[in-house]
Amino acid sequence: EQRIDIGAFDPTLFAVITLSERTADHFEVHVTAKRGSDNLELAEFAYQVRQQLFQRGAKSVTGWVASRNKPLLELANMVGFTRSPLIMIRGAYLERPVEWLRMVSTREQWLREQAA
C-alpha cells in the first residue's frame, strides 16, 4: 500500500489530505483540517486533488465519515462524493457507538461533471 500526504497552505498549513492506494486505480482518502478552516477553501483544495486522481486514471476514491461530522459530510458533497449504502459502526464517542458513512466518488461521476 502506497500512501501520499498532500498539504494545503494559506500561507500556513491548514489541511492535509492522505491518500492510500488500495489498488492501482482505487484510493481511500482521509482529510485532516485545522479547526475553523474555511470549508470553501478546503473544498477547492480537495476538488483539485480529486481531479488530479481521475486525470491520472483512478477509477474510484472512497472515504469514511462519522455521521455526526456535518462539516465533513458537507465538504464531501461539495467535492462530488456521494453516500454509498455501506455503514460501519466502530468506536465510541461519549460512550455511544460511532456510525461511519462510506462516501464514494467515481471516475464515471467525474466524467459526467466534466461533460456538463
C-alpha atoms as a PDB file:
ATOM      1  CA  GLU A   1       0.000   0.000   0.000  1.00  0.00           C
ATOM      2  CA  GLN A   2       1.345   3.368  -1.021  1.00  0.00           C
ATOM      3  CA  ARG A   3       0.411   6.454   0.991  1.00  0.00           C
ATOM      4  CA  ILE A   4       0.563  10.060  -0.176  1.00  0.00           C
ATOM      5  CA  ASP A   5       0.122  13.116   2.066  1.00  0.00           C
ATOM      6  CA  ILE A   6      -0.765  16.422   0.392  1.00  0.00           C
ATOM      7  CA  GLY A   7      -0.788  19.668   2.370  1.00  0.00           C
ATOM      8  CA  ALA A   8      -2.763  22.868   1.784  1.00  0.00           C
ATOM      9  CA  PHE A   9      -1.210  26.184   2.798  1.00  0.00           C
ATOM     10  CA  ASP A  10      -2.698  29.676   3.169  1.00  0.00           C
ATOM     11  CA  PRO A  11       0.079  30.764   3.973  1.00  0.00           C
ATOM     12  CA  THR A  12       0.433  28.220   6.798  1.00  0.00           C
ATOM     13  CA  LEU A  13      -0.602  24.577   6.728  1.00  0.00           C
ATOM     14  CA  PHE A  14      -4.377  24.329   7.271  1.00  0.00           C
ATOM     15  CA  ALA A  15      -5.220  20.865   5.894  1.00  0.00           C
ATOM     16  CA  VAL A  16      -3.713  17.526   4.897  1.00  0.00           C
ATOM     17  CA  ILE A  17      -5.281  15.024   2.542  1.00  0.00           C
ATOM     18  CA  THR A  18      -3.923  11.499   2.911  1.00  0.00           C
ATOM     19  CA  LEU A  19      -4.422   9.107   0.011  1.00  0.00           C
ATOM     20  CA  SER A  20      -3.915   5.382   0.456  1.00  0.00           C
ATOM     21  CA  GLU A  21      -3.611   3.441  -2.782  1.00  0.00           C
ATOM     22  CA  ARG A  22      -5.694   0.292  -2.198  1.00  0.00           C
ATOM     23  CA  THR A  23      -5.302  -0.961  -5.783  1.00  0.00           C
ATOM     24  CA  ALA A  24      -3.763   0.587  -8.890  1.00  0.00           C
ATOM     25  CA  ASP A  25      -6.980   2.503  -9.619  1.00  0.00           C
ATOM     26  CA  HIS A  26      -8.681   2.869  -6.215  1.00  0.00           C
ATOM     27  CA  PHE A  27      -7.744   5.278  -3.433  1.00  0.00           C
ATOM     28  CA  GLU A  28      -9.025   5.789   0.085  1.00  0.00           C
ATOM     29  CA  VAL A  29      -8.956   9.370   1.337  1.00  0.00           C
ATOM     30  CA  HIS A  30      -8.607  10.888   4.796  1.00  0.00           C
ATOM     31  CA  VAL A  31      -8.935  14.630   5.426  1.00  0.00           C
ATOM     32  CA  THR A  32      -7.486  16.443   8.426  1.00  0.00           C
ATOM     33  CA  ALA A  33      -8.074  20.177   8.717  1.00  0.00           C
ATOM     34  CA  LYS A  34      -7.355  22.857  11.253  1.00  0.00           C
ATOM     35  CA  ARG A  35     -10.442  23.660  13.320  1.00  0.00           C
ATOM     36  CA  GLY A  36     -12.241  26.660  11.862  1.00  0.00           C
ATOM     37  CA  SER A  37     -10.819  26.197   8.352  1.00  0.00           C
ATOM     38  CA  ASP A  38     -12.785  27.782   5.524  1.00  0.00           C
ATOM     39  CA  ASN A  39     -14.877  24.958   4.021  1.00  0.00           C
ATOM     40  CA  LEU A  40     -14.902  26.603   0.569  1.00  0.00           C
ATOM     41  CA  GLU A  41     -11.109  26.865   0.519  1.00  0.00           C
ATOM     42  CA  LEU A  42     -10.842  23.280   1.746  1.00  0.00           C
ATOM     43  CA  ALA A  43     -13.356  22.146  -0.911  1.00  0.00           C
ATOM     44  CA  GLU A  44     -11.312  23.808  -3.661  1.00  0.00           C
ATOM     45  CA  PHE A  45      -8.174  22.016  -2.436  1.00  0.00           C
ATOM     46  CA  ALA A  46      -9.960  18.643  -2.176  1.00  0.00           C
ATOM     47  CA  TYR A  47     -11.592  19.086  -5.597  1.00  0.00           C
ATOM     48  CA  GLN A  48      -8.188  19.689  -7.211  1.00  0.00           C
ATOM     49  CA  VAL A  49      -6.773  16.544  -5.589  1.00  0.00           C
ATOM     50  CA  ARG A  50      -9.788  14.512  -6.771  1.00  0.00           C
ATOM     51  CA  GLN A  51      -9.442  15.923 -10.285  1.00  0.00           C
ATOM     52  CA  GLN A  52      -5.746  15.000 -10.442  1.00  0.00           C
ATOM     53  CA  LEU A  53      -6.515  11.428  -9.359  1.00  0.00           C
ATOM     54  CA  PHE A  54      -9.127  10.935 -12.082  1.00  0.00           C
ATOM     55  CA  GLN A  55      -6.981  12.621 -14.736  1.00  0.00           C
ATOM     56  CA  ARG A  56      -4.255  10.106 -13.886  1.00  0.00           C
ATOM     57  CA  GLY A  57      -6.571   7.114 -14.290  1.00  0.00           C
ATOM     58  CA  ALA A  58      -8.078   6.428 -10.871  1.00  0.00           C
ATOM     59  CA  LYS A  59     -11.482   4.732 -11.098  1.00  0.00           C
ATOM     60  CA  SER A  60     -12.729   5.461  -7.589  1.00  0.00           C
ATOM     61  CA  VAL A  61     -11.971   7.298  -4.363  1.00  0.00           C
ATOM     62  CA  THR A  62     -13.662   6.405  -1.088  1.00  0.00           C
ATOM     63  CA  GLY A  63     -13.615   7.664   2.463  1.00  0.00           C
ATOM     64  CA  TRP A  64     -15.386   7.054   5.759  1.00  0.00           C
ATOM     65  CA  VAL A  65     -17.044   9.977   7.548  1.00  0.00           C
ATOM     66  CA  ALA A  66     -18.596   9.906  11.012  1.00  0.00           C
ATOM     67  CA  SER A  67     -22.312  10.610  10.595  1.00  0.00           C
ATOM     68  CA  ARG A  68     -22.074  13.333  13.278  1.00  0.00           C
ATOM     69  CA  ASN A  69     -19.360  15.203  11.344  1.00  0.00           C
ATOM     70  CA  LYS A  70     -21.696  17.529   9.420  1.00  0.00           C
ATOM     71  CA  PRO A  71     -18.926  19.876   8.146  1.00  0.00           C
ATOM     72  CA  LEU A  72     -17.001  16.955   6.608  1.00  0.00           C
ATOM     73  CA  LEU A  73     -20.169  15.460   5.086  1.00  0.00           C
ATOM     74  CA  GLU A  74     -20.921  18.864   3.561  1.00  0.00           C
ATOM     75  CA  LEU A  75     -17.371  19.087   2.227  1.00  0.00           C
ATOM     76  CA  ALA A  76     -17.602  15.610   0.698  1.00  0.00           C
ATOM     77  CA  ASN A  77     -20.831  16.555  -1.083  1.00  0.00           C
ATOM     78  CA  MET A  78     -19.340  19.854  -2.317  1.00  0.00           C
ATOM     79  CA  VAL A  79     -16.384  17.997  -3.825  1.00  0.00           C
ATOM     80  CA  GLY A  80     -18.515  15.394  -5.626  1.00  0.00           C
ATOM     81  CA  PHE A  81     -18.701  12.452  -3.246  1.00  0.00           C
ATOM     82  CA  THR A  82     -21.967  10.604  -2.692  1.00  0.00           C
ATOM     83  CA  ARG A  83     -23.044   8.351   0.132  1.00  0.00           C
ATOM     84  CA  SER A  84     -22.891   4.622  -0.525  1.00  0.00           C
ATOM     85  CA  PRO A  85     -25.290   2.221   1.229  1.00  0.00           C
ATOM     86  CA  LEU A  86     -22.487   0.875   3.432  1.00  0.00           C
ATOM     87  CA  ILE A  87     -22.429   1.895   7.093  1.00  0.00           C
ATOM     88  CA  MET A  88     -19.879   0.851   9.693  1.00  0.00           C
ATOM     89  CA  ILE A  89     -20.305   1.013  13.461  1.00  0.00           C
ATOM     90  CA  ARG A  90     -16.866   1.356  15.024  1.00  0.00           C
ATOM     91  CA  GLY A  91     -15.516   3.000  18.130  1.00  0.00           C
ATOM     92  CA  ALA A  92     -17.350   5.150  20.646  1.00  0.00           C
ATOM     93  CA  TYR A  93     -17.747   8.828  21.436  1.00  0.00           C
ATOM     94  CA  LEU A  94     -19.202   9.866  24.793  1.00  0.00           C
ATOM     95  CA  GLU A  95     -19.962   6.189  25.406  1.00  0.00           C
ATOM     96  CA  ARG A  96     -22.100   5.946  22.263  1.00  0.00           C
ATOM     97  CA  PRO A  97     -21.189   3.909  19.160  1.00  0.00           C
ATOM     98  CA  VAL A  98     -19.898   5.898  16.191  1.00  0.00           C
ATOM     99  CA  GLU A  99     -21.701   5.410  12.876  1.00  0.00           C
ATOM    100  CA  TRP A 100     -19.422   5.807   9.832  1.00  0.00           C
ATOM    101  CA  LEU A 101     -20.797   6.536   6.359  1.00  0.00           C
ATOM    102  CA  ARG A 102     -18.909   5.413   3.272  1.00  0.00           C
ATOM    103  CA  MET A 103     -18.555   8.237   0.754  1.00  0.00           C
ATOM    104  CA  VAL A 104     -17.652   7.434  -2.857  1.00  0.00           C
ATOM    105  CA  SER A 105     -16.540   9.351  -5.923  1.00  0.00           C
ATOM    106  CA  THR A 106     -16.099   7.526  -9.219  1.00  0.00           C
ATOM    107  CA  ARG A 107     -14.404   8.357 -12.465  1.00  0.00           C
ATOM    108  CA  GLU A 108     -17.795   7.999 -14.226  1.00  0.00           C
ATOM    109  CA  GLN A 109     -19.305  10.671 -11.929  1.00  0.00           C
ATOM    110  CA  TRP A 110     -16.345  12.929 -12.578  1.00  0.00           C
ATOM    111  CA  LEU A 111     -16.588  12.464 -16.382  1.00  0.00           C
ATOM    112  CA  ARG A 112     -20.313  13.390 -16.258  1.00  0.00           C
ATOM    113  CA  GLU A 113     -19.413  16.539 -14.292  1.00  0.00           C
ATOM    114  CA  GLN A 114     -16.807  17.480 -16.900  1.00  0.00           C
ATOM    115  CA  ALA A 115     -19.304  16.999 -19.753  1.00  0.00           C
ATOM    116  CA  ALA A 116     -21.969  19.187 -18.108  1.00  0.00           C
END
